[in-house]
């Protein structure tokens, strides 16, 4: 689908540019004016515009602003946390292993947290129907022992854990690929909403042409379809002046019109709350 979207945009003279690293987001006079980036060849590029939409992790977005925002905004952004993610795709010499699309693993003796069975999402995801491809998913933090382990060692860990779980013998795994995903999960602690609100208020009042969308852009644990819905609402607001608020899309992809000032925002996933009278 997104390849088709890219093709349509390119046919209209709006290419999708990959391989860019954002260096800074320049603003003046209460508006974002330019995004400065470096391409794969090391050349610095500037992109001017009238409206900007960001899916950059909220913490990094605030850090990229130039001039820097007020210190309370920077402080709120710097205290947002993230959980990282490693997916290890194992190719297995078996036509079938289990009927589910994915399964969660609760065995404390292994590190894997979830296993995807790509073939059960679609047979087209595995070109040889006599084989199976499983994605073993590990939740970690960037820089920890799992994250810094080399690919061969990670594939070996995944192979052994699959055998330990009784799914297939190690010798049935004939290949593997490791994908590391930074900031896959925004961390929900008991104060994250207050920190996000500080940043939202600053952007709304000081940089109204800078919009955020998506899981990392909004620091909101939405799935893919919910994240796309927030982006659609942002685009609609820019194009038509629609008043539909992307912040009112919750984790069930339901649009809520009824969150009032001062009320607790129940959109998104909830976090445990500290009991009254219990100190830290």
Protein backbone atom coordinates (compact mmCIF):
# COMPACT_ATOMS: atom_id res chain seq x y z
CA UNK A 1 0.00 0.00 0.00
CA UNK A 2 2.68 2.49 0.98
CA UNK A 3 4.68 1.73 -2.15
CA UNK A 4 1.57 2.75 -4.11
CA UNK A 5 1.21 5.95 -2.06
CA UNK A 6 4.88 6.72 -2.75
CA UNK A 7 4.33 6.17 -6.47
CA UNK A 8 1.31 8.52 -6.53
CA UNK A 9 3.22 11.23 -4.67
CA UNK A 10 6.20 10.95 -7.01
CA UNK A 11 3.92 11.24 -10.05
CA UNK A 12 2.66 14.52 -8.60
CA UNK A 13 6.16 15.89 -8.05
CA UNK A 14 6.18 15.17 -4.31
CA UNK A 15 8.88 12.50 -3.87
CA UNK A 16 9.27 10.54 -0.64
CA UNK A 17 12.89 11.08 0.41
CA UNK A 18 14.51 8.26 2.34
CA UNK A 19 17.86 8.05 4.08
CA UNK A 20 17.77 11.53 5.62
CA UNK A 21 18.90 12.43 9.13
CA UNK A 22 17.17 15.48 10.56
CA UNK A 23 19.76 17.90 11.95
CA UNK A 24 17.53 20.72 13.14
CA UNK A 25 14.08 22.24 12.82
CA UNK A 26 14.40 25.99 12.41
CA UNK A 27 11.65 28.34 13.56
CA UNK A 28 11.18 32.07 13.90
CA UNK A 29 8.28 34.41 14.41
CA UNK A 30 6.15 31.68 15.98
CA UNK A 31 6.33 29.35 12.96
CA UNK A 32 8.55 26.52 11.76
CA UNK A 33 10.27 27.70 8.60
CA UNK A 34 12.83 25.08 7.57
CA UNK A 35 13.91 21.50 8.24
CA UNK A 36 17.64 20.87 7.78
CA UNK A 37 18.71 17.30 6.99
CA UNK A 38 21.75 15.30 5.89
CA UNK A 39 21.40 12.74 3.11
CA UNK A 40 23.24 9.42 2.69
CA UNK A 41 26.01 11.14 0.75
CA UNK A 42 26.65 13.55 3.62
CA UNK A 43 25.24 16.58 1.84
CA UNK A 44 23.15 18.99 3.93
CA UNK A 45 19.71 19.83 2.53
CA UNK A 46 17.11 22.40 3.57
CA UNK A 47 13.36 22.03 3.16
CA UNK A 48 11.15 25.07 3.57
CA UNK A 49 7.40 24.83 4.01
CA UNK A 50 4.25 26.29 5.48
CA UNK A 51 3.02 23.19 7.38
CA UNK A 52 5.10 20.44 8.96
CA UNK A 53 4.00 17.03 10.29
CA UNK A 54 6.33 15.05 12.56
CA UNK A 55 6.33 11.38 13.53
CA UNK A 56 9.80 11.79 15.11
CA UNK A 57 9.85 10.58 18.73
CA UNK A 58 8.55 13.51 20.76
CA UNK A 59 11.69 13.71 22.88
CA UNK A 60 13.92 14.03 19.79
CA UNK A 61 11.54 16.49 18.10
CA UNK A 62 11.87 18.94 21.00
CA UNK A 63 15.66 18.55 21.05
CA UNK A 64 15.86 19.35 17.31
CA UNK A 65 14.08 22.70 17.61
CA UNK A 66 16.28 25.71 16.93
CA UNK A 67 16.17 28.04 18.78
CA UNK A 68 15.69 25.65 21.71
CA UNK A 69 12.33 25.83 23.51
CA UNK A 70 12.02 27.03 27.13
CA UNK A 71 13.73 24.85 29.72
CA UNK A 72 10.47 23.41 31.19
CA UNK A 73 9.61 22.07 27.73
CA UNK A 74 13.08 20.60 27.23
CA UNK A 75 12.94 19.09 30.71
CA UNK A 76 9.58 17.48 30.04
CA UNK A 77 10.85 16.03 26.76
CA UNK A 78 14.11 14.73 28.25
CA UNK A 79 12.17 12.80 30.88
CA UNK A 80 10.07 10.85 28.37
CA UNK A 81 11.16 7.22 28.20
CA UNK A 82 11.14 4.52 25.51
CA UNK A 83 11.40 0.75 25.31
CA UNK A 84 13.32 -0.76 22.40
CA UNK A 85 12.70 -3.93 20.46
CA UNK A 86 14.58 -6.68 18.62
CA UNK A 87 12.90 -9.01 16.13
CA UNK A 88 14.78 -12.15 15.10
CA UNK A 89 13.32 -13.85 12.03
CA UNK A 90 14.19 -17.53 11.97
CA UNK A 91 13.71 -19.56 8.79
CA UNK A 92 12.71 -23.11 9.67
CA UNK A 93 12.64 -26.28 7.62
CA UNK A 94 9.07 -27.13 8.61
CA UNK A 95 5.83 -26.37 6.71
CA UNK A 96 3.90 -25.54 9.88
CA UNK A 97 4.56 -25.11 13.60
CA UNK A 98 1.42 -23.66 15.20
CA UNK A 99 -1.90 -22.24 13.92
CA UNK A 100 -1.80 -18.80 15.53
CA UNK A 101 -0.68 -15.51 13.99
CA UNK A 102 1.34 -14.79 17.12
CA UNK A 103 1.70 -16.06 20.63
CA UNK A 104 2.85 -14.40 23.84
CA UNK A 105 5.47 -16.25 25.87
CA UNK A 106 5.15 -16.24 29.67
CA UNK A 107 7.90 -18.73 30.46
CA UNK A 108 10.39 -16.93 32.78
CA UNK A 109 13.21 -19.25 31.71
CA UNK A 110 13.45 -17.59 28.26
CA UNK A 111 13.91 -13.98 27.18
CA UNK A 112 11.61 -14.03 24.14
CA UNK A 113 8.32 -12.20 24.80
CA UNK A 114 6.29 -12.88 21.66
CA UNK A 115 6.54 -15.02 18.53
CA UNK A 116 5.02 -14.04 15.19
CA UNK A 117 4.13 -16.68 12.64
CA UNK A 118 4.43 -14.67 9.41
CA UNK A 119 3.03 -17.41 7.19
CA UNK A 120 -0.23 -17.36 9.15
CA UNK A 121 -0.67 -13.64 8.47
CA UNK A 122 -0.29 -14.37 4.76
CA UNK A 123 1.25 -17.29 2.84
CA UNK A 124 2.86 -14.68 0.59
CA UNK A 125 5.16 -13.70 3.46
CA UNK A 126 7.00 -17.02 3.06
CA UNK A 127 7.99 -17.73 -0.55
CA UNK A 128 8.56 -21.48 -0.02
CA UNK A 129 5.47 -23.11 1.44
CA UNK A 130 7.50 -26.06 2.69
CA UNK A 131 9.21 -23.67 5.13
CA UNK A 132 8.09 -21.49 8.04
CA UNK A 133 9.40 -18.10 9.20
CA UNK A 134 8.95 -17.13 12.84
CA UNK A 135 9.73 -13.72 14.29
CA UNK A 136 10.96 -13.98 17.88
CA UNK A 137 10.50 -10.64 19.61
CA UNK A 138 12.65 -9.36 22.47
CA UNK A 139 11.83 -6.27 24.52
CA UNK A 140 14.94 -4.43 25.67
CA UNK A 141 16.63 -1.06 26.10
CA UNK A 142 19.07 0.42 23.63
CA UNK A 143 22.59 -0.28 24.88
CA UNK A 144 21.73 -3.24 27.15
CA UNK A 145 23.11 -6.75 26.83
CA UNK A 146 20.62 -7.94 24.24
CA UNK A 147 20.82 -4.77 22.13
CA UNK A 148 24.61 -4.86 21.91
CA UNK A 149 24.86 -8.59 21.20
CA UNK A 150 25.99 -9.33 17.64
CA UNK A 151 23.53 -10.75 15.12
CA UNK A 152 25.00 -14.27 15.06
CA UNK A 153 24.78 -14.54 18.85
CA UNK A 154 21.18 -13.27 18.86
CA UNK A 155 20.17 -15.78 16.20
CA UNK A 156 21.77 -18.53 18.30
CA UNK A 157 19.85 -17.37 21.41
CA UNK A 158 16.58 -17.41 19.45
CA UNK A 159 17.29 -20.84 17.98
CA UNK A 160 18.00 -22.31 21.42
CA UNK A 161 14.95 -20.69 23.02
CA UNK A 162 12.69 -22.01 20.27
CA UNK A 163 13.98 -25.51 21.04
CA UNK A 164 13.63 -24.91 24.79
CA UNK A 165 9.98 -24.03 24.24
CA UNK A 166 9.52 -27.34 22.42
CA UNK A 167 8.66 -25.82 19.05
CA UNK A 168 11.39 -27.28 16.88
CA UNK A 169 14.91 -28.71 17.19
CA UNK A 170 17.80 -26.24 16.70
CA UNK A 171 18.99 -27.98 13.53
CA UNK A 172 15.65 -27.20 11.82
CA UNK A 173 16.61 -23.49 11.76
CA UNK A 174 18.60 -22.89 8.58
CA UNK A 175 18.88 -19.07 8.54
CA UNK A 176 18.05 -15.94 10.51
CA UNK A 177 17.88 -12.15 10.29
CA UNK A 178 18.00 -9.58 13.11
CA UNK A 179 16.11 -6.27 13.08
CA UNK A 180 16.63 -3.70 15.86
CA UNK A 181 13.91 -1.09 16.33
CA UNK A 182 14.72 1.90 18.51
CA UNK A 183 11.94 3.48 20.55
CA UNK A 184 9.34 0.91 19.55
CA UNK A 185 7.30 1.60 22.68
CA UNK A 186 6.70 4.94 24.43
CA UNK A 187 6.95 4.32 28.17
CA UNK A 188 3.82 5.02 30.20
CA UNK A 189 4.76 5.96 33.74
CA UNK A 190 2.59 7.78 36.26
CA UNK A 191 3.66 11.25 35.06
CA UNK A 192 4.12 10.84 31.29
CA UNK A 193 0.79 12.50 30.44
CA UNK A 194 1.74 15.67 32.33
CA UNK A 195 5.05 15.81 30.46
CA UNK A 196 3.37 15.28 27.11
CA UNK A 197 0.86 18.01 27.96
CA UNK A 198 3.68 20.52 28.57
CA UNK A 199 5.00 19.80 25.07
CA UNK A 200 1.55 19.86 23.47
CA UNK A 201 0.79 23.23 25.01
CA UNK A 202 4.08 24.67 23.81
CA UNK A 203 3.61 23.44 20.23
CA UNK A 204 0.01 24.64 20.06
CA UNK A 205 0.82 28.13 21.33
CA UNK A 206 4.30 28.73 19.97
CA UNK A 207 4.57 26.63 16.78
CA UNK A 208 1.04 26.06 15.46
CA UNK A 209 2.25 24.90 12.03
CA UNK A 210 4.18 21.97 13.56
CA UNK A 211 1.86 18.98 13.92
CA UNK A 212 2.55 15.57 15.46
CA UNK A 213 1.10 12.20 14.48
CA UNK A 214 1.68 8.51 15.08
CA UNK A 215 2.88 6.45 18.02
CA UNK A 216 6.22 8.14 18.61
CA UNK A 217 5.17 11.54 17.34
CA UNK A 218 2.45 11.73 20.00
CA UNK A 219 4.14 9.49 22.61
CA UNK A 220 0.95 7.46 22.50
CA UNK A 221 0.85 3.68 22.43
CA UNK A 222 -1.31 3.35 19.34
CA UNK A 223 -1.22 0.46 16.92
CA UNK A 224 -0.56 0.98 13.21
CA UNK A 225 -4.16 1.61 12.18
CA UNK A 226 -4.74 4.06 15.04
CA UNK A 227 -1.50 5.87 14.19
CA UNK A 228 -2.58 6.19 10.57
CA UNK A 229 -5.90 7.59 11.75
CA UNK A 230 -4.13 10.33 13.70
CA UNK A 231 -2.12 11.21 10.58
CA UNK A 232 -5.28 11.32 8.47
CA UNK A 233 -6.91 13.70 10.94
CA UNK A 234 -3.83 15.95 10.92
CA UNK A 235 -3.84 16.00 7.11
CA UNK A 236 -7.56 16.75 7.06
CA UNK A 237 -7.11 19.63 9.48
CA UNK A 238 -4.37 21.13 7.31
CA UNK A 239 -6.25 20.63 4.05
CA UNK A 240 -9.80 21.49 5.08
CA UNK A 241 -9.65 23.13 8.50
CA UNK A 242 -11.36 20.14 10.09
CA UNK A 243 -11.72 20.44 13.86
CA UNK A 244 -11.39 16.68 14.50
CA UNK A 245 -8.65 16.30 17.08
CA UNK A 246 -6.08 13.49 16.53
CA UNK A 247 -5.46 13.40 20.29
CA UNK A 248 -8.98 12.04 20.75
CA UNK A 249 -8.19 8.84 18.88
CA UNK A 250 -7.65 6.18 21.51
CA UNK A 251 -6.04 2.77 21.53
CA UNK A 252 -9.28 1.17 20.34
CA UNK A 253 -9.36 3.46 17.27
CA UNK A 254 -12.41 5.19 18.69
CA UNK A 255 -12.78 8.95 18.25
CA UNK A 256 -13.80 10.62 21.52
CA UNK A 257 -15.45 14.04 21.37
CA UNK A 258 -16.07 14.25 25.07
CA UNK A 259 -12.81 14.78 26.98
CA UNK A 260 -13.30 18.02 28.90
CA UNK A 261 -10.71 20.31 30.39
CA UNK A 262 -9.74 19.07 33.84
CA UNK A 263 -11.11 15.56 33.25
CA UNK A 264 -8.82 12.56 33.16
CA UNK A 265 -7.90 11.62 29.59
CA UNK A 266 -8.93 7.98 29.22
CA UNK A 267 -7.80 7.71 25.60
CA UNK A 268 -4.91 5.35 25.06
CA UNK A 269 -3.67 2.64 27.38
CA UNK A 270 -3.87 3.22 31.09
CA UNK A 271 -1.08 2.94 33.64
CA UNK A 272 -1.09 1.87 37.29
CA UNK A 273 -1.71 4.70 39.72
CA UNK A 274 0.01 5.31 43.05
CA UNK A 275 -2.25 4.64 46.03
CA UNK A 276 -3.14 7.64 48.17
CA UNK A 277 -0.88 7.94 51.19
CA UNK A 278 1.79 5.61 49.78
CA UNK A 279 5.17 7.30 49.46
CA UNK A 280 7.71 6.61 46.74
